[in-house]
Amino acid sequence: MLVGRKVTVVGAGVAGLAVARALALRGAQVTVYEQSDSIREVGAGLQVSPNGVRVLSALGLAEALANVAPRGEAVALIDGPSGAPVAHMSLARGEYRFVHRGALITLLAEGARAAGVQFRFLQEVERVQLGAHPPRLITHQGAEIETELLIGADGLHSKVREALNGAAMPFFTHQVAWRAVIAAEPDAAAVAQVFMAPGRHLVSYPLGGGLRNIVAVEERRRWVEESWTRQDDPANLRASFAGFCPKVQGWLDQVDAPMLWGLFRHPVAVRWQGQGAAILGDAAHPTLPFLAQGAVMALEDAWVLAERLSRHETAGAAFASYKAARAPRCARIVEAANANARNYHLGGVRRAVAHAGLRAVSALSPNALLDRFAWVHGFDATEGAGG
């Protein structure tokens, strides 16, 4: 049913660009509406696990990804204050990639354009109307746009989600995160290092292009807004992690303009589709960044949504099938990410016991720790039913 169909996608992030290419490759006439004046992405690094790499490969973008993203070798869990190793997880059994978000956005945008996707910039959607008429967008600029099919890839504050579900009520988790990119050491191994301490942790790994990604999370009571564009004084970041080992201190000394945002827990949307519209990615199932699956879930969503639209005779049937395939898996991943946040921040006796257990398991059965997430990383959205 997709050949020649006009599809409007709201949002030119990972979810929007991936679904735009997936739809266009199946014959749809796709237009992406984006509020910025060009395609660009704030943020820093991403870990793309094998389930995400499989989607990018199916989209014909595997070579482009390999050109900009080093292949991950391992994940190392480390005691933050002492720098002592806690556990080591090899990534040799799957293809993991460490990539700058901007590089991923660029390759997805180039892929979308190559597939014939059109872009409309400076189009800030203020309201979405769904009803007896075709889906309608009302922009800040005063335009009213009707479309045959509407795909909401417009992130945490999605107007398409709001039209389907009403206003969401996220709550502050009392955790904040800093993001920064610094120069990587010339011989930096492609290892994601997680430095853990009571009430805080820091993750770092090298990106392509001589860069190192840093994400530092702290528990705190005072509220911080949920924004990707809030810059903080690097002295605050250094003060919060002053008790960490010299390696971390050396990295933080290089940070000059960290971004700070509050971490909020959003409910998974009850309605993902209806009246000619559907949502995906953060618009449908926002997640905390503790399982590195936010962008990867968006890639999976994009493939399955396009596949269902190409297979079913009506959009309603396709959208319902897509939600049935994706919602249980995404809800499970969101809950697993919530649990990881707690595990990284243990203190006191629980911390000592947990770290001793991790050391023992890592020594006796090196693959056991990563195998706990085989249901996440081993999934293939491009094979069979995709869910």
Protein backbone atom coordinates (compact mmCIF):
# COMPACT_ATOMS: atom_id res chain seq x y z
CA MET A 1 0.00 0.00 0.00
CA LEU A 2 2.97 2.34 0.28
CA VAL A 3 3.83 2.86 -3.38
CA GLY A 4 2.93 6.45 -4.22
CA ARG A 5 1.36 7.15 -0.82
CA LYS A 6 2.10 10.55 0.69
CA VAL A 7 3.52 10.31 4.19
CA THR A 8 4.40 13.20 6.50
CA VAL A 9 7.02 12.64 9.19
CA VAL A 10 7.36 15.18 12.01
CA GLY A 11 10.91 15.40 13.35
CA ALA A 12 14.34 14.93 11.76
CA GLY A 13 16.07 13.04 14.55
CA VAL A 14 17.15 9.40 14.51
CA ALA A 15 13.58 8.08 14.51
CA GLY A 16 12.29 10.47 11.86
CA LEU A 17 15.18 10.06 9.44
CA ALA A 18 15.25 6.27 9.79
CA VAL A 19 11.53 5.85 9.20
CA ALA A 20 11.65 8.34 6.32
CA ARG A 21 14.30 6.28 4.50
CA ALA A 22 12.56 2.99 5.32
CA LEU A 23 9.27 4.29 3.91
CA ALA A 24 10.82 5.91 0.83
CA LEU A 25 12.68 2.71 -0.04
CA ARG A 26 9.28 1.00 -0.15
CA GLY A 27 7.87 3.56 -2.60
CA ALA A 28 6.25 6.16 -0.36
CA GLN A 29 6.46 9.88 -1.10
CA VAL A 30 7.87 11.14 2.20
CA THR A 31 8.15 14.70 3.48
CA VAL A 32 9.88 15.43 6.79
CA TYR A 33 8.89 18.55 8.75
CA GLU A 34 11.56 19.90 11.08
CA GLN A 35 11.42 22.96 13.35
CA SER A 36 15.14 23.79 12.98
CA ASP A 37 16.58 25.59 9.97
CA SER A 38 18.66 22.54 9.01
CA ILE A 39 19.36 18.99 10.06
CA ARG A 40 21.52 19.09 13.13
CA GLU A 41 21.64 17.27 16.43
CA VAL A 42 22.79 18.44 19.81
CA GLY A 43 24.21 15.77 22.05
CA ALA A 44 27.29 13.65 22.14
CA GLY A 45 27.89 9.93 21.73
CA LEU A 46 25.70 6.90 21.21
CA GLN A 47 26.25 3.20 21.60
CA VAL A 48 24.61 1.29 18.76
CA SER A 49 24.23 -2.33 19.83
CA PRO A 50 23.85 -5.22 17.34
CA ASN A 51 20.06 -4.91 17.19
CA GLY A 52 20.48 -1.34 15.94
CA VAL A 53 23.32 -2.22 13.57
CA ARG A 54 21.06 -4.85 11.96
CA VAL A 55 18.49 -2.17 11.12
CA LEU A 56 21.09 0.21 9.71
CA SER A 57 22.46 -2.65 7.60
CA ALA A 58 18.98 -3.48 6.29
CA LEU A 59 18.58 0.21 5.40
CA GLY A 60 21.75 -0.05 3.30
CA LEU A 61 23.80 2.11 5.68
CA ALA A 62 26.22 -0.42 7.21
CA GLU A 63 29.24 0.81 5.27
CA ALA A 64 28.48 4.45 6.09
CA LEU A 65 28.21 3.54 9.77
CA ALA A 66 31.49 1.61 9.77
CA ASN A 67 33.24 4.63 8.24
CA VAL A 68 32.34 6.94 11.14
CA ALA A 69 31.91 4.65 14.16
CA PRO A 70 34.58 2.46 15.77
CA ARG A 71 33.58 -1.08 16.61
CA GLY A 72 33.23 -1.56 20.35
CA GLU A 73 35.55 -4.09 21.95
CA ALA A 74 34.28 -4.35 25.53
CA VAL A 75 32.39 -2.82 28.45
CA ALA A 76 34.38 -2.37 31.68
CA LEU A 77 32.73 -1.80 35.07
CA ILE A 78 35.11 0.09 37.37
CA ASP A 79 35.06 1.34 40.94
CA GLY A 80 34.97 5.11 40.49
CA PRO A 81 36.99 6.30 43.50
CA SER A 82 39.78 3.73 43.30
CA GLY A 83 39.82 2.96 39.59
CA ALA A 84 39.90 -0.77 40.42
CA PRO A 85 38.29 -3.12 37.88
CA VAL A 86 34.98 -4.72 38.86
CA ALA A 87 33.91 -6.61 35.74
CA HIS A 88 34.81 -6.92 32.07
CA MET A 89 32.37 -7.81 29.27
CA SER A 90 33.73 -8.59 25.81
CA LEU A 91 31.69 -7.34 22.85
CA ALA A 92 33.38 -9.71 20.40
CA ARG A 93 30.25 -11.80 19.85
CA GLY A 94 28.27 -8.98 18.24
CA GLU A 95 28.75 -5.80 16.27
CA TYR A 96 28.62 -2.81 18.59
CA ARG A 97 29.42 0.68 17.32
CA PHE A 98 30.34 3.86 19.21
CA VAL A 99 29.23 6.91 17.21
CA HIS A 100 28.73 10.63 17.64
CA ARG A 101 25.04 11.43 17.42
CA GLY A 102 25.77 14.07 14.81
CA ALA A 103 27.56 11.53 12.60
CA LEU A 104 24.61 9.12 12.85
CA ILE A 105 22.16 11.91 12.03
CA THR A 106 24.26 12.91 9.01
CA LEU A 107 24.41 9.42 7.53
CA LEU A 108 20.67 8.89 8.10
CA ALA A 109 19.88 12.26 6.48
CA GLU A 110 22.04 11.47 3.47
CA GLY A 111 20.34 8.09 3.21
CA ALA A 112 16.91 9.69 3.37
CA ARG A 113 17.74 12.23 0.67
CA ALA A 114 19.20 9.51 -1.55
CA ALA A 115 15.90 7.62 -1.24
CA GLY A 116 13.95 10.70 -2.39
CA VAL A 117 12.77 12.11 0.94
CA GLN A 118 11.87 15.82 0.89
CA PHE A 119 12.50 18.18 3.81
CA ARG A 120 10.64 21.25 5.05
CA PHE A 121 12.61 23.25 7.61
CA LEU A 122 11.54 25.99 10.04
CA GLN A 123 8.22 24.21 10.50
CA GLU A 124 7.44 24.18 14.21
CA VAL A 125 4.30 22.13 14.82
CA GLU A 126 2.15 23.71 17.52
CA ARG A 127 -0.86 21.42 17.32
CA VAL A 128 -2.00 18.24 15.62
CA GLN A 129 -5.67 17.67 14.78
CA LEU A 130 -6.98 14.14 14.38
CA GLY A 131 -10.57 13.26 13.60
CA ALA A 132 -12.90 12.55 10.71
CA HIS A 133 -10.66 14.56 8.39
CA PRO A 134 -7.13 13.51 7.39
CA PRO A 135 -4.42 14.30 9.96
CA ARG A 136 -3.74 18.04 10.10
CA LEU A 137 -0.69 19.95 11.35
CA ILE A 138 -0.95 23.55 12.53
CA THR A 139 2.45 25.22 12.62
CA HIS A 140 3.77 28.15 14.62
CA GLN A 141 4.10 29.97 11.30
CA GLY A 142 0.32 29.71 10.77
CA ALA A 143 0.24 27.01 8.11
CA GLU A 144 -2.31 24.17 8.11
CA ILE A 145 -1.04 20.99 6.48
CA GLU A 146 -3.14 17.93 5.73
CA THR A 147 -1.57 14.57 4.97
CA GLU A 148 -2.67 11.05 4.11
CA LEU A 149 -0.50 9.44 6.77
CA LEU A 150 1.22 11.15 9.71
CA ILE A 151 4.21 9.74 11.56
CA GLY A 152 5.18 11.43 14.82
CA ALA A 153 8.94 11.22 15.40
CA ASP A 154 8.92 14.46 17.36
CA GLY A 155 10.55 13.27 20.56
CA LEU A 156 9.85 13.74 24.25
CA HIS A 157 7.43 16.63 23.78
CA SER A 158 5.64 15.14 20.79
CA LYS A 159 2.58 16.98 19.52
CA VAL A 160 1.44 13.84 17.71
CA ARG A 161 1.60 11.85 20.95
CA GLU A 162 -0.34 14.60 22.69
CA ALA A 163 -3.07 14.46 20.02
CA LEU A 164 -3.38 10.70 20.55
CA ASN A 165 -3.02 10.54 24.34
CA GLY A 166 -3.44 13.98 25.85
CA ALA A 167 -0.72 15.72 27.85
CA ALA A 168 1.89 13.48 29.50
CA MET A 169 2.92 13.90 33.13
CA PRO A 170 6.60 12.97 33.48
CA PHE A 171 8.28 13.11 36.88
CA PHE A 172 11.78 14.13 37.90
CA THR A 173 13.90 11.11 38.88
CA HIS A 174 16.18 13.28 41.05
CA GLN A 175 19.03 12.44 38.71
CA VAL A 176 20.85 14.79 36.37
CA ALA A 177 23.29 14.06 33.57
CA TRP A 178 26.13 16.00 32.03
CA ARG A 179 27.25 15.31 28.46
CA ALA A 180 30.56 16.37 26.99
CA VAL A 181 32.97 15.48 24.21
CA ILE A 182 36.74 15.82 24.58
CA ALA A 183 39.76 14.77 22.55
CA ALA A 184 40.47 11.05 22.73
CA GLU A 185 43.91 9.62 23.37
CA PRO A 186 45.51 8.50 20.07
CA ASP A 187 45.70 4.89 21.28
CA ALA A 188 42.33 4.82 23.06
CA ALA A 189 40.82 1.31 23.07
CA ALA A 190 37.20 1.07 21.95
CA VAL A 191 35.98 0.19 25.45
CA ALA A 192 32.94 1.66 27.19
CA GLN A 193 34.10 2.33 30.75
CA VAL A 194 31.53 2.72 33.53
CA PHE A 195 32.94 4.28 36.72
CA MET A 196 30.55 3.60 39.61
CA ALA A 197 30.16 5.22 43.04
CA PRO A 198 27.37 5.75 45.56
CA GLY A 199 24.83 8.12 44.06
CA ARG A 200 26.67 8.73 40.79
CA HIS A 201 28.43 7.15 37.83
CA LEU A 202 30.35 8.22 34.74
CA VAL A 203 30.45 6.50 31.34
CA SER A 204 33.11 7.18 28.72
CA TYR A 205 34.11 5.68 25.37
CA PRO A 206 35.96 6.85 22.26
CA LEU A 207 34.07 8.01 19.20
CA GLY A 208 35.27 8.25 15.64
CA GLY A 209 37.20 11.31 14.56
CA GLY A 210 39.52 11.46 17.58
CA LEU A 211 36.79 12.23 20.12
CA ARG A 212 35.84 10.79 23.52
CA ASN A 213 32.30 10.81 24.85
CA ILE A 214 31.51 11.49 28.52
CA VAL A 215 28.17 11.06 30.29
CA ALA A 216 28.15 11.72 34.03
CA VAL A 217 25.05 11.08 36.17
CA GLU A 218 24.44 12.34 39.70
CA GLU A 219 21.56 11.87 42.12
CA ARG A 220 20.36 15.17 43.57
CA ARG A 221 17.25 16.65 45.12
CA ARG A 222 17.14 20.01 43.37
CA TRP A 223 15.23 20.12 40.11
CA VAL A 224 16.89 20.59 36.70
CA GLU A 225 14.88 21.12 33.53
CA GLU A 226 14.63 18.44 30.83
CA SER A 227 16.61 20.16 28.09
CA TRP A 228 19.36 19.09 25.71
CA THR A 229 20.56 22.68 25.24
CA ARG A 230 21.30 23.82 28.80
CA GLN A 231 25.01 24.50 29.28
CA ASP A 232 26.59 24.20 32.73
CA ASP A 233 29.77 25.44 34.39
CA PRO A 234 32.38 22.65 34.10
CA ALA A 235 33.42 23.39 37.69
CA ASN A 236 30.10 21.91 38.85
CA LEU A 237 30.80 18.69 36.98
CA ARG A 238 34.34 18.46 38.35
CA ALA A 239 33.13 19.13 41.90
CA SER A 240 30.51 16.38 41.71
CA PHE A 241 33.11 13.80 40.65
CA ALA A 242 36.06 15.12 42.66
CA GLY A 243 36.41 11.84 44.52
CA PHE A 244 36.88 9.77 41.39
CA CYS A 245 40.18 8.26 40.24
CA PRO A 246 42.93 10.21 38.39
CA LYS A 247 41.89 8.92 34.96
CA VAL A 248 38.44 10.47 35.35
CA GLN A 249 39.93 13.68 36.77
CA GLY A 250 42.17 13.97 33.71
CA TRP A 251 39.20 13.69 31.38
CA LEU A 252 37.09 16.18 33.33
CA ASP A 253 39.93 18.70 33.34
CA GLN A 254 39.50 18.86 29.55
CA VAL A 255 35.76 19.59 29.63
CA ASP A 256 34.98 23.24 28.92
CA ALA A 257 31.27 23.38 28.03
CA PRO A 258 29.23 20.45 29.41
CA MET A 259 25.53 20.19 28.73
CA LEU A 260 23.32 19.43 31.74
CA TRP A 261 19.82 18.02 31.73
CA GLY A 262 17.40 16.59 34.24
CA LEU A 263 16.36 12.97 33.83
CA PHE A 264 12.60 12.49 33.84
CA ARG A 265 10.63 9.28 33.68
CA HIS A 266 7.86 9.39 31.08
CA PRO A 267 5.08 6.82 30.80
CA VAL A 268 5.06 4.61 27.73
CA ALA A 269 2.22 5.92 25.55
CA VAL A 270 -1.08 4.06 25.85
CA ARG A 271 -2.12 4.90 22.28
CA TRP A 272 0.53 4.65 19.58
CA GLN A 273 -1.79 5.07 16.62
CA GLY A 274 -5.18 6.20 15.46
CA GLN A 275 -7.01 8.28 12.83
CA GLY A 276 -4.22 8.12 10.27
CA ALA A 277 -1.34 8.82 12.67
CA ALA A 278 1.30 6.81 14.53
CA ILE A 279 4.24 7.59 16.82
CA LEU A 280 7.65 6.00 17.33
CA GLY A 281 10.89 6.45 19.24
CA ASP A 282 10.88 8.85 22.19
CA ALA A 283 7.42 10.07 21.20
CA ALA A 284 6.07 6.61 22.09
CA HIS A 285 8.41 5.25 24.77
CA PRO A 286 10.94 7.67 26.29
CA THR A 287 13.63 5.88 28.27
CA LEU A 288 16.34 6.76 30.74
CA PRO A 289 19.84 6.48 29.22
CA PHE A 290 21.02 3.50 31.30
CA LEU A 291 20.77 0.68 28.77
CA ALA A 292 21.94 2.62 25.67
CA GLN A 293 18.75 1.71 23.80
CA GLY A 294 16.91 4.99 23.15
CA ALA A 295 18.19 5.52 19.61
CA VAL A 296 18.29 1.79 18.94
CA MET A 297 14.63 1.34 19.84
CA ALA A 298 13.85 4.18 17.43
CA LEU A 299 15.70 2.34 14.65
CA GLU A 300 13.78 -0.86 15.38
CA ASP A 301 10.48 1.04 15.45
CA ALA A 302 11.26 2.64 12.11
CA TRP A 303 11.89 -0.65 10.35
CA VAL A 304 8.85 -2.42 11.80
CA LEU A 305 6.49 0.49 11.14
CA ALA A 306 7.56 0.76 7.48
CA GLU A 307 7.39 -3.02 7.05
CA ARG A 308 3.86 -3.19 8.48
CA LEU A 309 2.66 -0.32 6.29
CA SER A 310 4.01 -2.09 3.22
CA ARG A 311 2.35 -5.39 4.15
CA HIS A 312 -1.14 -4.43 5.33
CA GLU A 313 -3.94 -3.19 3.10
CA THR A 314 -5.02 -0.36 5.41
CA ALA A 315 -3.09 2.08 7.54
CA GLY A 316 -5.25 1.24 10.55
CA ALA A 317 -4.37 -2.45 10.36
CA ALA A 318 -0.70 -1.66 9.79
CA PHE A 319 -0.49 0.74 12.71
CA ALA A 320 -2.25 -1.68 15.07
CA SER A 321 0.08 -4.50 14.02
CA TYR A 322 3.09 -2.25 14.55
CA LYS A 323 2.03 -1.33 18.08
CA ALA A 324 1.29 -4.94 18.98
CA ALA A 325 4.77 -5.93 17.81
CA ARG A 326 6.69 -3.13 19.48
CA ALA A 327 4.96 -2.08 22.71
CA PRO A 328 5.77 -5.10 24.94
CA ARG A 329 9.45 -5.12 23.98
CA CYS A 330 9.88 -1.37 24.42
CA ALA A 331 8.16 -1.38 27.81
CA ARG A 332 10.49 -4.16 28.97
CA ILE A 333 13.57 -2.24 27.81
CA VAL A 334 12.40 0.92 29.59
CA GLU A 335 12.04 -1.01 32.86
CA ALA A 336 15.48 -2.61 32.43
CA ALA A 337 17.01 0.84 31.98
CA ASN A 338 15.33 2.00 35.18
CA ALA A 339 16.87 -0.93 37.06
CA ASN A 340 20.35 -0.23 35.70
CA ALA A 341 20.25 3.26 37.17
CA ARG A 342 19.78 1.79 40.64
CA ASN A 343 22.51 -0.83 40.18
CA TYR A 344 25.18 1.72 39.21
CA HIS A 345 24.59 3.87 42.31
CA LEU A 346 24.65 1.35 45.15
CA GLY A 347 26.32 2.32 48.41
CA GLY A 348 27.42 0.73 51.68
CA VAL A 349 27.15 -3.01 52.24
CA ARG A 350 24.97 -3.55 49.17
CA ARG A 351 27.65 -1.98 46.99
CA ALA A 352 30.42 -4.16 48.45
CA VAL A 353 28.38 -7.33 48.03
CA ALA A 354 27.31 -6.45 44.50
CA HIS A 355 30.83 -5.61 43.36
CA ALA A 356 32.20 -8.83 44.87
CA GLY A 357 29.54 -10.77 42.99
CA LEU A 358 30.33 -9.00 39.72
CA ARG A 359 34.03 -9.73 40.10
CA ALA A 360 33.33 -13.41 40.72
CA VAL A 361 30.94 -13.80 37.80
CA SER A 362 33.29 -11.90 35.46
CA ALA A 363 36.17 -14.21 36.41
CA LEU A 364 34.27 -17.50 36.32
CA SER A 365 31.93 -16.89 33.37
CA PRO A 366 33.08 -13.89 31.29
CA ASN A 367 30.03 -13.92 28.99
CA ALA A 368 27.40 -14.29 31.71
CA LEU A 369 26.98 -10.59 32.50
CA LEU A 370 26.39 -9.53 28.91
CA ASP A 371 24.22 -12.60 28.26
CA ARG A 372 21.66 -11.14 30.69
CA PHE A 373 20.85 -8.69 27.90
CA ALA A 374 20.89 -11.17 25.03
CA TRP A 375 17.14 -10.58 24.68
CA VAL A 376 17.96 -6.93 23.93
CA HIS A 377 21.04 -7.16 21.71
CA GLY A 378 20.23 -10.45 19.99
CA PHE A 379 16.87 -9.26 18.65
CA ASP A 380 16.49 -8.76 14.89
CA ALA A 381 13.67 -6.38 13.94
CA THR A 382 14.37 -6.96 10.24
CA GLU A 383 13.73 -10.71 10.34
CA GLY A 384 10.30 -12.28 10.14
CA ALA A 385 7.57 -10.46 12.01
CA GLY A 386 9.95 -8.02 13.68
CA GLY A 387 8.45 -8.54 17.08
